[in-house]
Amino acid sequence: MPFGRKSPLEALAMPGAIIAYKYSQFRQRRREAANRRVTERELSALHTKIPIHSMNAPLTRDA
């Protein structure tokens, strides 16, 4: 077949392939957003556990 022309089956399958690709992109973005929310929640929980006075204390080495 010449360039630019598609078989009837290819023409019918193309919209379905695009929809499937877009749906997989959508699911991937939702998974990444969910993982990001969990990570941010864990990070904020860890941040509250760090005592503020330890951040201001000078670093000393006992050697």
PDB file of N, CA and C in Angstrom:
ATOM      1  N   MET A   1       0.834  -1.187   0.000  1.00  0.00           N
ATOM      2  CA  MET A   1       0.000   0.000   0.000  1.00  0.00           C
ATOM      3  C   MET A   1       0.874   1.244   0.000  1.00  0.00           C
ATOM      4  N   PRO A   2       0.445   2.246  -0.711  1.00  0.00           N
ATOM      5  CA  PRO A   2       1.206   3.499  -0.719  1.00  0.00           C
ATOM      6  C   PRO A   2       1.180   4.162   0.652  1.00  0.00           C
ATOM      7  N   PHE A   3       2.155   5.033   0.846  1.00  0.00           N
ATOM      8  CA  PHE A   3       2.216   5.753   2.107  1.00  0.00           C
ATOM      9  C   PHE A   3       0.972   6.614   2.280  1.00  0.00           C
ATOM     10  N   GLY A   4       0.480   6.715   3.509  1.00  0.00           N
ATOM     11  CA  GLY A   4      -0.684   7.546   3.767  1.00  0.00           C
ATOM     12  C   GLY A   4      -2.002   6.802   3.661  1.00  0.00           C
ATOM     13  N   ARG A   5      -1.999   5.652   3.046  1.00  0.00           N
ATOM     14  CA  ARG A   5      -3.231   4.870   2.942  1.00  0.00           C
ATOM     15  C   ARG A   5      -3.147   3.720   3.919  1.00  0.00           C
ATOM     16  N   LYS A   6      -4.253   3.456   4.560  1.00  0.00           N
ATOM     17  CA  LYS A   6      -4.309   2.370   5.527  1.00  0.00           C
ATOM     18  C   LYS A   6      -5.356   1.362   5.102  1.00  0.00           C
ATOM     19  N   SER A   7      -5.156   0.157   5.559  1.00  0.00           N
ATOM     20  CA  SER A   7      -6.176  -0.850   5.294  1.00  0.00           C
ATOM     21  C   SER A   7      -7.400  -0.530   6.138  1.00  0.00           C
ATOM     22  N   PRO A   8      -8.552  -1.016   5.782  1.00  0.00           N
ATOM     23  CA  PRO A   8      -9.757  -0.744   6.568  1.00  0.00           C
ATOM     24  C   PRO A   8      -9.628  -1.223   8.026  1.00  0.00           C
ATOM     25  N   LEU A   9      -8.939  -2.326   8.233  1.00  0.00           N
ATOM     26  CA  LEU A   9      -8.762  -2.821   9.600  1.00  0.00           C
ATOM     27  C   LEU A   9      -7.882  -1.883  10.408  1.00  0.00           C
ATOM     28  N   GLU A  10      -6.832  -1.357   9.788  1.00  0.00           N
ATOM     29  CA  GLU A  10      -5.969  -0.398  10.487  1.00  0.00           C
ATOM     30  C   GLU A  10      -6.746   0.875  10.824  1.00  0.00           C
ATOM     31  N   ALA A  11      -7.575   1.322   9.913  1.00  0.00           N
ATOM     32  CA  ALA A  11      -8.361   2.529  10.142  1.00  0.00           C
ATOM     33  C   ALA A  11      -9.355   2.326  11.274  1.00  0.00           C
ATOM     34  N   LEU A  12      -9.899   1.130  11.397  1.00  0.00           N
ATOM     35  CA  LEU A  12     -10.833   0.841  12.485  1.00  0.00           C
ATOM     36  C   LEU A  12     -10.120   0.646  13.816  1.00  0.00           C
ATOM     37  N   ALA A  13      -8.931   0.074  13.770  1.00  0.00           N
ATOM     38  CA  ALA A  13      -8.221  -0.237  15.006  1.00  0.00           C
ATOM     39  C   ALA A  13      -7.521   0.976  15.604  1.00  0.00           C
ATOM     40  N   MET A  14      -7.187   1.961  14.811  1.00  0.00           N
ATOM     41  CA  MET A  14      -6.412   3.101  15.293  1.00  0.00           C
ATOM     42  C   MET A  14      -7.110   3.867  16.416  1.00  0.00           C
ATOM     43  N   PRO A  15      -8.384   4.245  16.310  1.00  0.00           N
ATOM     44  CA  PRO A  15      -9.019   4.965  17.422  1.00  0.00           C
ATOM     45  C   PRO A  15      -9.021   4.150  18.718  1.00  0.00           C
ATOM     46  N   GLY A  16      -9.221   2.848  18.614  1.00  0.00           N
ATOM     47  CA  GLY A  16      -9.192   1.989  19.798  1.00  0.00           C
ATOM     48  C   GLY A  16      -7.814   1.947  20.428  1.00  0.00           C
ATOM     49  N   ALA A  17      -6.786   1.940  19.601  1.00  0.00           N
ATOM     50  CA  ALA A  17      -5.417   1.922  20.121  1.00  0.00           C
ATOM     51  C   ALA A  17      -5.100   3.243  20.814  1.00  0.00           C
ATOM     52  N   ILE A  18      -5.573   4.337  20.263  1.00  0.00           N
ATOM     53  CA  ILE A  18      -5.337   5.643  20.881  1.00  0.00           C
ATOM     54  C   ILE A  18      -6.059   5.726  22.219  1.00  0.00           C
ATOM     55  N   ILE A  19      -7.290   5.260  22.265  1.00  0.00           N
ATOM     56  CA  ILE A  19      -8.055   5.275  23.520  1.00  0.00           C
ATOM     57  C   ILE A  19      -7.371   4.402  24.564  1.00  0.00           C
ATOM     58  N   ALA A  20      -6.903   3.221  24.172  1.00  0.00           N
ATOM     59  CA  ALA A  20      -6.212   2.336  25.114  1.00  0.00           C
ATOM     60  C   ALA A  20      -4.934   2.994  25.637  1.00  0.00           C
ATOM     61  N   TYR A  21      -4.203   3.662  24.776  1.00  0.00           N
ATOM     62  CA  TYR A  21      -2.974   4.351  25.182  1.00  0.00           C
ATOM     63  C   TYR A  21      -3.284   5.477  26.157  1.00  0.00           C
ATOM     64  N   LYS A  22      -4.300   6.274  25.848  1.00  0.00           N
ATOM     65  CA  LYS A  22      -4.678   7.382  26.723  1.00  0.00           C
ATOM     66  C   LYS A  22      -5.159   6.866  28.073  1.00  0.00           C
ATOM     67  N   TYR A  23      -5.896   5.775  28.081  1.00  0.00           N
ATOM     68  CA  TYR A  23      -6.380   5.197  29.338  1.00  0.00           C
ATOM     69  C   TYR A  23      -5.215   4.691  30.181  1.00  0.00           C
ATOM     70  N   SER A  24      -4.229   4.067  29.553  1.00  0.00           N
ATOM     71  CA  SER A  24      -3.065   3.589  30.315  1.00  0.00           C
ATOM     72  C   SER A  24      -2.274   4.771  30.870  1.00  0.00           C
ATOM     73  N   GLN A  25      -2.189   5.870  30.120  1.00  0.00           N
ATOM     74  CA  GLN A  25      -1.540   7.087  30.626  1.00  0.00           C
ATOM     75  C   GLN A  25      -2.294   7.626  31.833  1.00  0.00           C
ATOM     76  N   PHE A  26      -3.618   7.656  31.751  1.00  0.00           N
ATOM     77  CA  PHE A  26      -4.460   8.135  32.849  1.00  0.00           C
ATOM     78  C   PHE A  26      -4.241   7.302  34.112  1.00  0.00           C
ATOM     79  N   ARG A  27      -4.227   5.974  33.954  1.00  0.00           N
ATOM     80  CA  ARG A  27      -4.019   5.098  35.113  1.00  0.00           C
ATOM     81  C   ARG A  27      -2.639   5.289  35.711  1.00  0.00           C
ATOM     82  N   GLN A  28      -1.629   5.453  34.864  1.00  0.00           N
ATOM     83  CA  GLN A  28      -0.259   5.667  35.345  1.00  0.00           C
ATOM     84  C   GLN A  28      -0.164   6.965  36.142  1.00  0.00           C
ATOM     85  N   ARG A  29      -0.782   8.021  35.638  1.00  0.00           N
ATOM     86  CA  ARG A  29      -0.750   9.302  36.359  1.00  0.00           C
ATOM     87  C   ARG A  29      -1.461   9.209  37.696  1.00  0.00           C
ATOM     88  N   ARG A  30      -2.561   8.468  37.754  1.00  0.00           N
ATOM     89  CA  ARG A  30      -3.275   8.300  39.036  1.00  0.00           C
ATOM     90  C   ARG A  30      -2.428   7.523  40.025  1.00  0.00           C
ATOM     91  N   ARG A  31      -1.728   6.474  39.537  1.00  0.00           N
ATOM     92  CA  ARG A  31      -0.838   5.699  40.429  1.00  0.00           C
ATOM     93  C   ARG A  31       0.281   6.574  40.956  1.00  0.00           C
ATOM     94  N   GLU A  32       0.879   7.375  40.074  1.00  0.00           N
ATOM     95  CA  GLU A  32       1.976   8.258  40.499  1.00  0.00           C
ATOM     96  C   GLU A  32       1.489   9.288  41.509  1.00  0.00           C
ATOM     97  N   ALA A  33       0.294   9.830  41.295  1.00  0.00           N
ATOM     98  CA  ALA A  33      -0.254  10.811  42.228  1.00  0.00           C
ATOM     99  C   ALA A  33      -0.526  10.166  43.584  1.00  0.00           C
ATOM    100  N   ALA A  34      -1.044   8.942  43.579  1.00  0.00           N
ATOM    101  CA  ALA A  34      -1.309   8.245  44.839  1.00  0.00           C
ATOM    102  C   ALA A  34       0.002   7.972  45.575  1.00  0.00           C
ATOM    103  N   ASN A  35       1.019   7.541  44.850  1.00  0.00           N
ATOM    104  CA  ASN A  35       2.322   7.298  45.470  1.00  0.00           C
ATOM    105  C   ASN A  35       2.915   8.591  46.022  1.00  0.00           C
ATOM    106  N   ARG A  36       2.743   9.682  45.302  1.00  0.00           N
ATOM    107  CA  ARG A  36       3.260  10.976  45.744  1.00  0.00           C
ATOM    108  C   ARG A  36       2.564  11.412  47.031  1.00  0.00           C
ATOM    109  N   ARG A  37       1.233  11.203  47.100  1.00  0.00           N
ATOM    110  CA  ARG A  37       0.502  11.572  48.321  1.00  0.00           C
ATOM    111  C   ARG A  37       0.988  10.759  49.512  1.00  0.00           C
ATOM    112  N   VAL A  38       1.223   9.457  49.321  1.00  0.00           N
ATOM    113  CA  VAL A  38       1.711   8.604  50.405  1.00  0.00           C
ATOM    114  C   VAL A  38       3.095   9.062  50.843  1.00  0.00           C
ATOM    115  N   THR A  39       3.963   9.345  49.886  1.00  0.00           N
ATOM    116  CA  THR A  39       5.320   9.784  50.205  1.00  0.00           C
ATOM    117  C   THR A  39       5.305  11.106  50.956  1.00  0.00           C
ATOM    118  N   GLU A  40       4.467  12.040  50.504  1.00  0.00           N
ATOM    119  CA  GLU A  40       4.397  13.331  51.190  1.00  0.00           C
ATOM    120  C   GLU A  40       3.859  13.178  52.604  1.00  0.00           C
ATOM    121  N   ARG A  41       2.898  12.278  52.787  1.00  0.00           N
ATOM    122  CA  ARG A  41       2.344  12.042  54.123  1.00  0.00           C
ATOM    123  C   ARG A  41       3.413  11.440  55.032  1.00  0.00           C
ATOM    124  N   GLU A  42       4.174  10.471  54.523  1.00  0.00           N
ATOM    125  CA  GLU A  42       5.238   9.859  55.318  1.00  0.00           C
ATOM    126  C   GLU A  42       6.323  10.885  55.646  1.00  0.00           C
ATOM    127  N   LEU A  43       6.655  11.730  54.688  1.00  0.00           N
ATOM    128  CA  LEU A  43       7.671  12.743  54.909  1.00  0.00           C
ATOM    129  C   LEU A  43       7.225  13.750  55.969  1.00  0.00           C
ATOM    130  N   SER A  44       5.979  14.154  55.913  1.00  0.00           N
ATOM    131  CA  SER A  44       5.502  15.102  56.920  1.00  0.00           C
ATOM    132  C   SER A  44       5.450  14.439  58.294  1.00  0.00           C
ATOM    133  N   ALA A  45       5.140  13.151  58.362  1.00  0.00           N
ATOM    134  CA  ALA A  45       5.146  12.448  59.648  1.00  0.00           C
ATOM    135  C   ALA A  45       6.561  12.385  60.202  1.00  0.00           C
ATOM    136  N   LEU A  46       7.534  12.135  59.349  1.00  0.00           N
ATOM    137  CA  LEU A  46       8.924  12.109  59.800  1.00  0.00           C
ATOM    138  C   LEU A  46       9.376  13.499  60.225  1.00  0.00           C
ATOM    139  N   HIS A  47       8.925  14.506  59.517  1.00  0.00           N
ATOM    140  CA  HIS A  47       9.325  15.870  59.832  1.00  0.00           C
ATOM    141  C   HIS A  47       8.851  16.268  61.231  1.00  0.00           C
ATOM    142  N   THR A  48       7.670  15.810  61.615  1.00  0.00           N
ATOM    143  CA  THR A  48       7.168  16.147  62.947  1.00  0.00           C
ATOM    144  C   THR A  48       7.926  15.399  64.032  1.00  0.00           C
ATOM    145  N   LYS A  49       8.583  14.313  63.692  1.00  0.00           N
ATOM    146  CA  LYS A  49       9.334  13.537  64.681  1.00  0.00           C
ATOM    147  C   LYS A  49      10.717  14.122  64.962  1.00  0.00           C
ATOM    148  N   ILE A  50      11.208  14.970  64.084  1.00  0.00           N
ATOM    149  CA  ILE A  50      12.531  15.554  64.280  1.00  0.00           C
ATOM    150  C   ILE A  50      12.414  16.676  65.297  1.00  0.00           C
ATOM    151  N   PRO A  51      13.131  16.577  66.422  1.00  0.00           N
ATOM    152  CA  PRO A  51      13.059  17.660  67.407  1.00  0.00           C
ATOM    153  C   PRO A  51      13.712  18.928  66.858  1.00  0.00           C
ATOM    154  N   ILE A  52      13.094  20.037  67.127  1.00  0.00           N
ATOM    155  CA  ILE A  52      13.590  21.303  66.594  1.00  0.00           C
ATOM    156  C   ILE A  52      14.935  21.665  67.211  1.00  0.00           C
ATOM    157  N   HIS A  53      15.134  21.364  68.492  1.00  0.00           N
ATOM    158  CA  HIS A  53      16.398  21.726  69.132  1.00  0.00           C
ATOM    159  C   HIS A  53      17.577  20.960  68.542  1.00  0.00           C
ATOM    160  N   SER A  54      17.350  19.787  67.983  1.00  0.00           N
ATOM    161  CA  SER A  54      18.462  19.041  67.383  1.00  0.00           C
ATOM    162  C   SER A  54      18.907  19.686  66.074  1.00  0.00           C
ATOM    163  N   MET A  55      18.046  20.450  65.455  1.00  0.00           N
ATOM    164  CA  MET A  55      18.423  21.113  64.201  1.00  0.00           C
ATOM    165  C   MET A  55      19.312  22.322  64.486  1.00  0.00           C
ATOM    166  N   ASN A  56      19.186  22.919  65.661  1.00  0.00           N
ATOM    167  CA  ASN A  56      19.975  24.091  66.006  1.00  0.00           C
ATOM    168  C   ASN A  56      21.271  23.743  66.709  1.00  0.00           C
ATOM    169  N   ALA A  57      21.398  22.521  67.174  1.00  0.00           N
ATOM    170  CA  ALA A  57      22.602  22.115  67.921  1.00  0.00           C
ATOM    171  C   ALA A  57      23.771  21.978  66.953  1.00  0.00           C
ATOM    172  N   PRO A  58      24.956  22.380  67.371  1.00  0.00           N
ATOM    173  CA  PRO A  58      26.131  22.219  66.508  1.00  0.00           C
ATOM    174  C   PRO A  58      26.510  20.737  66.397  1.00  0.00           C
ATOM    175  N   LEU A  59      27.069  20.402  65.279  1.00  0.00           N
ATOM    176  CA  LEU A  59      27.504  19.030  65.075  1.00  0.00           C
ATOM    177  C   LEU A  59      28.843  18.815  65.762  1.00  0.00           C
ATOM    178  N   THR A  60      28.951  17.820  66.613  1.00  0.00           N
ATOM    179  CA  THR A  60      30.207  17.509  67.303  1.00  0.00           C
ATOM    180  C   THR A  60      30.559  16.078  67.005  1.00  0.00           C
ATOM    181  N   ARG A  61      31.819  15.819  67.005  1.00  0.00           N
ATOM    182  CA  ARG A  61      32.299  14.469  66.746  1.00  0.00           C
ATOM    183  C   ARG A  61      33.034  13.969  67.960  1.00  0.00           C
ATOM    184  N   ASP A  62      32.618  12.836  68.489  1.00  0.00           N
ATOM    185  CA  ASP A  62      33.307  12.232  69.633  1.00  0.00           C
ATOM    186  C   ASP A  62      34.259  11.174  69.087  1.00  0.00           C
ATOM    187  N   ALA A  63      35.523  11.555  68.990  1.00  0.00           N
ATOM    188  CA  ALA A  63      36.478  10.604  68.428  1.00  0.00           C
ATOM    189  C   ALA A  63      37.627  10.345  69.378  1.00  0.00           C
TER     190      ALA A  63
END
